[in-house]
Amino acid sequence: MGLTKFEKLFVSLRYYLLAAAKFDESYKYALGALEFAKDIHVGTRKDGFTPEFQHQLEIAHYIRTLNVRYPAATIAVVLLHDVLEDYSNKAPFVTKEQIYARFGKQIGDACVLISKEYQGVKVPTQEYYDGMVECPICSIAKGGDRVHNQSSMANVFTKIKQVSYTGETKDYVLPMLKKARRIHFDQESAYENIKFVLQSQITFVEAYNKNEDQLAQAKATT
């Protein structure tokens, strides 16, 4: 029996990071983040069967194709981006102090910025997105996170939730990426790539839902 999709994603990313670490020591933190986050995210996605950590793995594989300033740190933050938000208030209880101690200030700061909630305290939406603009790591990681979430919401999110989610992308994520692109201009191609994918997804979701409405109306009149 062959490897599952999750296993292939994990193994291929691990070998990629191992090879990169031979030439760039900063990748040791990405390797550490891979193992740490794998042990934290042991549940399943909202569909009930996809491994929870597959989300982080798929984003990491996407991010490694982009031209970013801090590739190793950005991959590390992608792998860690949900641990504080999801597990600071429930087992296994990950703290900011743990992240800083294990991965250093650059990654720790980015993990704090990308967390919408910590120990039950939520950051106001506009403040949350404004905070990521100045961070070349967070702004890319958040864009990749949104790309994957939008790509995997079919048959999981309700129609209303899909429209609401893409609405948040238009109102907050895309403006954040635009502002970040002007500051971190060396990453412009990465921001443009993420923006293009997000906008394409939004166009599809809006067209699909409009078509569903039209079909429903047509059935109601026949």
C-alpha atoms as a PDB file:
ATOM      1  CA  MET A   1       0.000   0.000   0.000  1.00  0.00           C
ATOM      2  CA  GLY A   2       1.381   3.408  -0.997  1.00  0.00           C
ATOM      3  CA  LEU A   3       1.767   6.492   1.121  1.00  0.00           C
ATOM      4  CA  THR A   4      -1.244   8.690   1.810  1.00  0.00           C
ATOM      5  CA  LYS A   5      -1.353  12.264   0.517  1.00  0.00           C
ATOM      6  CA  PHE A   6      -0.572  13.512   4.016  1.00  0.00           C
ATOM      7  CA  GLU A   7       2.440  11.213   4.329  1.00  0.00           C
ATOM      8  CA  LYS A   8       3.769  12.271   0.917  1.00  0.00           C
ATOM      9  CA  LEU A   9       3.427  15.948   1.814  1.00  0.00           C
ATOM     10  CA  PHE A  10       5.191  15.449   5.146  1.00  0.00           C
ATOM     11  CA  VAL A  11       8.045  13.315   3.838  1.00  0.00           C
ATOM     12  CA  SER A  12       8.736  15.498   0.805  1.00  0.00           C
ATOM     13  CA  LEU A  13       8.761  18.683   2.903  1.00  0.00           C
ATOM     14  CA  ARG A  14      11.046  17.097   5.486  1.00  0.00           C
ATOM     15  CA  TYR A  15      13.566  16.039   2.839  1.00  0.00           C
ATOM     16  CA  TYR A  16      13.389  19.483   1.230  1.00  0.00           C
ATOM     17  CA  LEU A  17      14.141  21.156   4.567  1.00  0.00           C
ATOM     18  CA  LEU A  18      16.903  18.689   5.412  1.00  0.00           C
ATOM     19  CA  ALA A  19      18.622  19.413   2.092  1.00  0.00           C
ATOM     20  CA  ALA A  20      18.216  23.176   2.508  1.00  0.00           C
ATOM     21  CA  ALA A  21      19.601  23.041   6.071  1.00  0.00           C
ATOM     22  CA  LYS A  22      22.906  21.691   4.744  1.00  0.00           C
ATOM     23  CA  PHE A  23      23.519  25.045   3.072  1.00  0.00           C
ATOM     24  CA  ASP A  24      21.545  27.410   5.307  1.00  0.00           C
ATOM     25  CA  GLU A  25      21.404  26.878   9.080  1.00  0.00           C
ATOM     26  CA  SER A  26      18.217  28.929   9.398  1.00  0.00           C
ATOM     27  CA  TYR A  27      16.321  25.938   7.995  1.00  0.00           C
ATOM     28  CA  LYS A  28      16.955  24.053  11.236  1.00  0.00           C
ATOM     29  CA  TYR A  29      14.161  26.159  12.747  1.00  0.00           C
ATOM     30  CA  ALA A  30      11.810  25.167   9.940  1.00  0.00           C
ATOM     31  CA  LEU A  31      12.693  21.515  10.582  1.00  0.00           C
ATOM     32  CA  GLY A  32      12.056  22.026  14.276  1.00  0.00           C
ATOM     33  CA  ALA A  33       8.738  23.693  13.503  1.00  0.00           C
ATOM     34  CA  LEU A  34       7.742  20.757  11.299  1.00  0.00           C
ATOM     35  CA  GLU A  35       8.247  18.241  14.098  1.00  0.00           C
ATOM     36  CA  PHE A  36       6.820  20.470  16.828  1.00  0.00           C
ATOM     37  CA  ALA A  37       3.642  21.379  14.943  1.00  0.00           C
ATOM     38  CA  LYS A  38       3.095  17.788  13.779  1.00  0.00           C
ATOM     39  CA  ASP A  39       2.896  16.691  17.412  1.00  0.00           C
ATOM     40  CA  ILE A  40       0.461  19.499  18.254  1.00  0.00           C
ATOM     41  CA  HIS A  41      -1.933  19.157  15.306  1.00  0.00           C
ATOM     42  CA  VAL A  42      -3.132  15.586  15.718  1.00  0.00           C
ATOM     43  CA  GLY A  43      -6.846  16.072  14.950  1.00  0.00           C
ATOM     44  CA  THR A  44      -8.744  16.352  11.671  1.00  0.00           C
ATOM     45  CA  ARG A  45      -9.928  19.254   9.507  1.00  0.00           C
ATOM     46  CA  LYS A  46     -13.546  20.408   9.480  1.00  0.00           C
ATOM     47  CA  ASP A  47     -14.376  17.803   6.843  1.00  0.00           C
ATOM     48  CA  GLY A  48     -13.863  15.184   9.554  1.00  0.00           C
ATOM     49  CA  PHE A  49     -11.252  13.044   7.807  1.00  0.00           C
ATOM     50  CA  THR A  50      -8.369  15.163   6.458  1.00  0.00           C
ATOM     51  CA  PRO A  51      -5.475  15.308   8.971  1.00  0.00           C
ATOM     52  CA  GLU A  52      -5.388  18.693  10.684  1.00  0.00           C
ATOM     53  CA  PHE A  53      -1.701  19.219   9.936  1.00  0.00           C
ATOM     54  CA  GLN A  54      -2.204  18.715   6.196  1.00  0.00           C
ATOM     55  CA  HIS A  55      -3.326  22.343   6.073  1.00  0.00           C
ATOM     56  CA  GLN A  56       0.077  23.588   7.221  1.00  0.00           C
ATOM     57  CA  LEU A  57       1.962  21.171   4.979  1.00  0.00           C
ATOM     58  CA  GLU A  58       0.122  22.255   1.844  1.00  0.00           C
ATOM     59  CA  ILE A  59       0.723  25.935   2.594  1.00  0.00           C
ATOM     60  CA  ALA A  60       4.424  25.280   3.206  1.00  0.00           C
ATOM     61  CA  HIS A  61       4.781  23.529  -0.141  1.00  0.00           C
ATOM     62  CA  TYR A  62       3.098  26.497  -1.828  1.00  0.00           C
ATOM     63  CA  ILE A  63       5.242  29.072  -0.024  1.00  0.00           C
ATOM     64  CA  ARG A  64       8.477  27.321  -0.960  1.00  0.00           C
ATOM     65  CA  THR A  65       7.705  28.051  -4.621  1.00  0.00           C
ATOM     66  CA  LEU A  66       7.641  31.811  -3.961  1.00  0.00           C
ATOM     67  CA  ASN A  67      10.482  34.326  -3.880  1.00  0.00           C
ATOM     68  CA  VAL A  68      10.492  35.641  -0.307  1.00  0.00           C
ATOM     69  CA  ARG A  69      13.065  37.412   1.857  1.00  0.00           C
ATOM     70  CA  TYR A  70      13.169  34.888   4.684  1.00  0.00           C
ATOM     71  CA  PRO A  71      12.194  31.527   3.154  1.00  0.00           C
ATOM     72  CA  ALA A  72      13.158  29.348   6.135  1.00  0.00           C
ATOM     73  CA  ALA A  73      11.485  31.580   8.729  1.00  0.00           C
ATOM     74  CA  THR A  74       8.391  31.986   6.569  1.00  0.00           C
ATOM     75  CA  ILE A  75       8.002  28.217   6.236  1.00  0.00           C
ATOM     76  CA  ALA A  76       8.518  27.848   9.993  1.00  0.00           C
ATOM     77  CA  VAL A  77       5.785  30.394  10.720  1.00  0.00           C
ATOM     78  CA  VAL A  78       3.446  28.718   8.247  1.00  0.00           C
ATOM     79  CA  LEU A  79       3.924  25.427  10.087  1.00  0.00           C
ATOM     80  CA  LEU A  80       3.377  27.121  13.468  1.00  0.00           C
ATOM     81  CA  HIS A  81       0.742  29.697  12.524  1.00  0.00           C
ATOM     82  CA  ASP A  82      -2.182  28.020  14.312  1.00  0.00           C
ATOM     83  CA  VAL A  83      -0.513  26.649  17.446  1.00  0.00           C
ATOM     84  CA  LEU A  84      -0.975  29.746  19.634  1.00  0.00           C
ATOM     85  CA  GLU A  85      -4.433  30.568  18.341  1.00  0.00           C
ATOM     86  CA  ASP A  86      -5.779  27.024  18.623  1.00  0.00           C
ATOM     87  CA  TYR A  87      -3.813  25.580  21.528  1.00  0.00           C
ATOM     88  CA  SER A  88      -2.995  28.385  23.958  1.00  0.00           C
ATOM     89  CA  ASN A  89      -6.293  27.807  25.752  1.00  0.00           C
ATOM     90  CA  LYS A  90      -6.609  24.022  25.499  1.00  0.00           C
ATOM     91  CA  ALA A  91      -4.375  20.961  25.621  1.00  0.00           C
ATOM     92  CA  PRO A  92      -1.523  20.673  24.892  1.00  0.00           C
ATOM     93  CA  PHE A  93      -1.391  24.378  25.960  1.00  0.00           C
ATOM     94  CA  VAL A  94       1.273  26.048  23.826  1.00  0.00           C
ATOM     95  CA  THR A  95       2.546  29.394  25.135  1.00  0.00           C
ATOM     96  CA  LYS A  96       4.319  32.369  23.577  1.00  0.00           C
ATOM     97  CA  GLU A  97       7.244  31.691  25.869  1.00  0.00           C
ATOM     98  CA  GLN A  98       7.635  28.183  24.441  1.00  0.00           C
ATOM     99  CA  ILE A  99       7.690  29.486  20.888  1.00  0.00           C
ATOM    100  CA  TYR A 100      10.248  32.200  21.661  1.00  0.00           C
ATOM    101  CA  ALA A 101      12.466  29.809  23.608  1.00  0.00           C
ATOM    102  CA  ARG A 102      12.433  27.172  20.902  1.00  0.00           C
ATOM    103  CA  PHE A 103      12.436  29.237  17.707  1.00  0.00           C
ATOM    104  CA  GLY A 104      13.846  32.654  18.579  1.00  0.00           C
ATOM    105  CA  LYS A 105      12.595  36.229  18.359  1.00  0.00           C
ATOM    106  CA  GLN A 106      12.029  36.558  14.606  1.00  0.00           C
ATOM    107  CA  ILE A 107       9.787  33.512  14.378  1.00  0.00           C
ATOM    108  CA  GLY A 108       8.252  34.154  17.801  1.00  0.00           C
ATOM    109  CA  ASP A 109       7.251  37.717  16.918  1.00  0.00           C
ATOM    110  CA  ALA A 110       5.700  36.528  13.654  1.00  0.00           C
ATOM    111  CA  CYS A 111       3.777  33.732  15.386  1.00  0.00           C
ATOM    112  CA  VAL A 112       2.307  36.234  17.843  1.00  0.00           C
ATOM    113  CA  LEU A 113       1.300  38.653  15.062  1.00  0.00           C
ATOM    114  CA  ILE A 114      -0.384  35.966  12.966  1.00  0.00           C
ATOM    115  CA  SER A 115      -2.479  34.695  15.891  1.00  0.00           C
ATOM    116  CA  LYS A 116      -5.970  36.243  15.970  1.00  0.00           C
ATOM    117  CA  GLU A 117      -6.516  34.944  19.500  1.00  0.00           C
ATOM    118  CA  TYR A 118      -4.306  34.028  22.433  1.00  0.00           C
ATOM    119  CA  GLN A 119      -5.519  32.452  25.682  1.00  0.00           C
ATOM    120  CA  GLY A 120      -9.083  33.491  24.903  1.00  0.00           C
ATOM    121  CA  VAL A 121      -8.307  37.129  24.055  1.00  0.00           C
ATOM    122  CA  LYS A 122      -9.159  38.098  20.472  1.00  0.00           C
ATOM    123  CA  VAL A 123      -7.463  40.863  18.482  1.00  0.00           C
ATOM    124  CA  PRO A 124      -9.901  43.247  16.715  1.00  0.00           C
ATOM    125  CA  THR A 125     -10.035  42.396  13.002  1.00  0.00           C
ATOM    126  CA  GLN A 126      -8.624  45.634  11.584  1.00  0.00           C
ATOM    127  CA  GLU A 127      -5.882  45.755  14.217  1.00  0.00           C
ATOM    128  CA  TYR A 128      -5.006  42.150  13.412  1.00  0.00           C
ATOM    129  CA  TYR A 129      -4.507  42.757   9.702  1.00  0.00           C
ATOM    130  CA  ASP A 130      -2.773  46.109  10.234  1.00  0.00           C
ATOM    131  CA  GLY A 131      -0.276  44.389  12.511  1.00  0.00           C
ATOM    132  CA  MET A 132       0.838  42.007   9.784  1.00  0.00           C
ATOM    133  CA  VAL A 133       1.518  44.687   7.171  1.00  0.00           C
ATOM    134  CA  GLU A 134       4.934  45.591   8.585  1.00  0.00           C
ATOM    135  CA  CYS A 135       6.032  41.963   8.868  1.00  0.00           C
ATOM    136  CA  PRO A 136       7.520  40.455   5.679  1.00  0.00           C
ATOM    137  CA  ILE A 137       7.011  36.973   7.115  1.00  0.00           C
ATOM    138  CA  CYS A 138       3.456  37.265   8.464  1.00  0.00           C
ATOM    139  CA  SER A 139       2.061  39.024   5.423  1.00  0.00           C
ATOM    140  CA  ILE A 140       3.208  36.173   3.159  1.00  0.00           C
ATOM    141  CA  ALA A 141       2.238  33.414   5.597  1.00  0.00           C
ATOM    142  CA  LYS A 142      -1.251  34.839   6.086  1.00  0.00           C
ATOM    143  CA  GLY A 143      -1.736  35.140   2.345  1.00  0.00           C
ATOM    144  CA  GLY A 144      -0.765  31.491   1.887  1.00  0.00           C
ATOM    145  CA  ASP A 145      -3.071  30.476   4.737  1.00  0.00           C
ATOM    146  CA  ARG A 146      -6.001  32.225   3.078  1.00  0.00           C
ATOM    147  CA  VAL A 147      -5.201  30.651  -0.305  1.00  0.00           C
ATOM    148  CA  HIS A 148      -5.394  27.170   1.189  1.00  0.00           C
ATOM    149  CA  ASN A 149      -8.486  27.845   3.283  1.00  0.00           C
ATOM    150  CA  GLN A 150     -10.365  29.169   0.272  1.00  0.00           C
ATOM    151  CA  SER A 151      -9.231  26.224  -1.853  1.00  0.00           C
ATOM    152  CA  SER A 152     -10.536  23.709   0.699  1.00  0.00           C
ATOM    153  CA  MET A 153     -13.847  25.269   1.760  1.00  0.00           C
ATOM    154  CA  ALA A 154     -16.036  23.640  -0.920  1.00  0.00           C
ATOM    155  CA  ASN A 155     -18.405  21.050   0.594  1.00  0.00           C
ATOM    156  CA  VAL A 156     -17.213  22.116   4.073  1.00  0.00           C
ATOM    157  CA  PHE A 157     -18.392  25.712   4.473  1.00  0.00           C
ATOM    158  CA  THR A 158     -22.020  26.608   3.869  1.00  0.00           C
ATOM    159  CA  LYS A 159     -22.813  28.935   0.981  1.00  0.00           C
ATOM    160  CA  ILE A 160     -23.284  31.817   3.431  1.00  0.00           C
ATOM    161  CA  LYS A 161     -19.965  31.060   5.121  1.00  0.00           C
ATOM    162  CA  GLN A 162     -18.162  30.928   1.767  1.00  0.00           C
ATOM    163  CA  VAL A 163     -19.518  34.334   0.766  1.00  0.00           C
ATOM    164  CA  SER A 164     -18.636  35.759   4.188  1.00  0.00           C
ATOM    165  CA  TYR A 165     -15.126  34.299   4.031  1.00  0.00           C
ATOM    166  CA  THR A 166     -14.353  35.650   0.568  1.00  0.00           C
ATOM    167  CA  GLY A 167     -15.823  38.961   1.709  1.00  0.00           C
ATOM    168  CA  GLU A 168     -13.245  39.092   4.490  1.00  0.00           C
ATOM    169  CA  THR A 169     -10.564  38.335   1.921  1.00  0.00           C
ATOM    170  CA  LYS A 170     -11.641  41.323  -0.163  1.00  0.00           C
ATOM    171  CA  ASP A 171     -12.066  43.650   2.821  1.00  0.00           C
ATOM    172  CA  TYR A 172      -8.952  42.755   4.802  1.00  0.00           C
ATOM    173  CA  VAL A 173      -6.564  40.223   3.252  1.00  0.00           C
ATOM    174  CA  LEU A 174      -6.129  41.779  -0.187  1.00  0.00           C
ATOM    175  CA  PRO A 175      -5.675  45.330   1.217  1.00  0.00           C
ATOM    176  CA  MET A 176      -3.115  43.944   3.692  1.00  0.00           C
ATOM    177  CA  LEU A 177      -1.182  42.293   0.871  1.00  0.00           C
ATOM    178  CA  LYS A 178      -1.283  45.489  -1.182  1.00  0.00           C
ATOM    179  CA  LYS A 179       0.109  47.581   1.676  1.00  0.00           C
ATOM    180  CA  ALA A 180       2.769  44.973   2.508  1.00  0.00           C
ATOM    181  CA  ARG A 181       3.853  44.796  -1.134  1.00  0.00           C
ATOM    182  CA  ARG A 182       4.708  48.514  -1.079  1.00  0.00           C
ATOM    183  CA  ILE A 183       6.839  48.120   2.038  1.00  0.00           C
ATOM    184  CA  HIS A 184       8.511  44.790   1.266  1.00  0.00           C
ATOM    185  CA  PHE A 185       9.013  45.436  -2.439  1.00  0.00           C
ATOM    186  CA  ASP A 186      11.609  42.683  -2.762  1.00  0.00           C
ATOM    187  CA  GLN A 187       8.720  40.232  -2.277  1.00  0.00           C
ATOM    188  CA  GLU A 188       6.473  41.824  -4.894  1.00  0.00           C
ATOM    189  CA  SER A 189       6.301  38.741  -7.108  1.00  0.00           C
ATOM    190  CA  ALA A 190       5.168  36.630  -4.134  1.00  0.00           C
ATOM    191  CA  TYR A 191       2.424  39.091  -3.194  1.00  0.00           C
ATOM    192  CA  GLU A 192       1.261  39.259  -6.802  1.00  0.00           C
ATOM    193  CA  ASN A 193       1.152  35.470  -6.999  1.00  0.00           C
ATOM    194  CA  ILE A 194      -0.908  35.183  -3.812  1.00  0.00           C
ATOM    195  CA  LYS A 195      -3.217  38.011  -4.876  1.00  0.00           C
ATOM    196  CA  PHE A 196      -3.853  36.420  -8.264  1.00  0.00           C
ATOM    197  CA  VAL A 197      -4.753  33.061  -6.715  1.00  0.00           C
ATOM    198  CA  LEU A 198      -7.053  34.639  -4.122  1.00  0.00           C
ATOM    199  CA  GLN A 199      -8.857  36.755  -6.706  1.00  0.00           C
ATOM    200  CA  SER A 200      -9.294  33.749  -8.995  1.00  0.00           C
ATOM    201  CA  GLN A 201     -10.799  31.760  -6.127  1.00  0.00           C
ATOM    202  CA  ILE A 202     -13.161  34.607  -5.247  1.00  0.00           C
ATOM    203  CA  THR A 203     -14.318  34.903  -8.860  1.00  0.00           C
ATOM    204  CA  PHE A 204     -15.061  31.176  -8.960  1.00  0.00           C
ATOM    205  CA  VAL A 205     -16.938  31.156  -5.634  1.00  0.00           C
ATOM    206  CA  GLU A 206     -19.076  34.138  -6.617  1.00  0.00           C
ATOM    207  CA  ALA A 207     -19.853  32.689 -10.053  1.00  0.00           C
ATOM    208  CA  TYR A 208     -20.632  29.250  -8.635  1.00  0.00           C
ATOM    209  CA  ASN A 209     -22.977  30.584  -5.971  1.00  0.00           C
ATOM    210  CA  LYS A 210     -24.711  32.886  -8.470  1.00  0.00           C
ATOM    211  CA  ASN A 211     -25.226  29.928 -10.787  1.00  0.00           C
ATOM    212  CA  GLU A 212     -26.682  27.893  -7.916  1.00  0.00           C
ATOM    213  CA  ASP A 213     -29.151  30.710  -7.174  1.00  0.00           C
ATOM    214  CA  GLN A 214     -30.187  30.877 -10.814  1.00  0.00           C
ATOM    215  CA  LEU A 215     -30.715  27.118 -10.953  1.00  0.00           C
ATOM    216  CA  ALA A 216     -32.786  27.228  -7.766  1.00  0.00           C
ATOM    217  CA  GLN A 217     -34.938  30.031  -9.173  1.00  0.00           C
ATOM    218  CA  ALA A 218     -35.401  28.139 -12.431  1.00  0.00           C
ATOM    219  CA  LYS A 219     -36.516  24.994 -10.572  1.00  0.00           C
ATOM    220  CA  ALA A 220     -38.924  27.033  -8.460  1.00  0.00           C
ATOM    221  CA  THR A 221     -40.674  28.411 -11.538  1.00  0.00           C
ATOM    222  CA  THR A 222     -41.049  25.076 -13.351  1.00  0.00           C
END
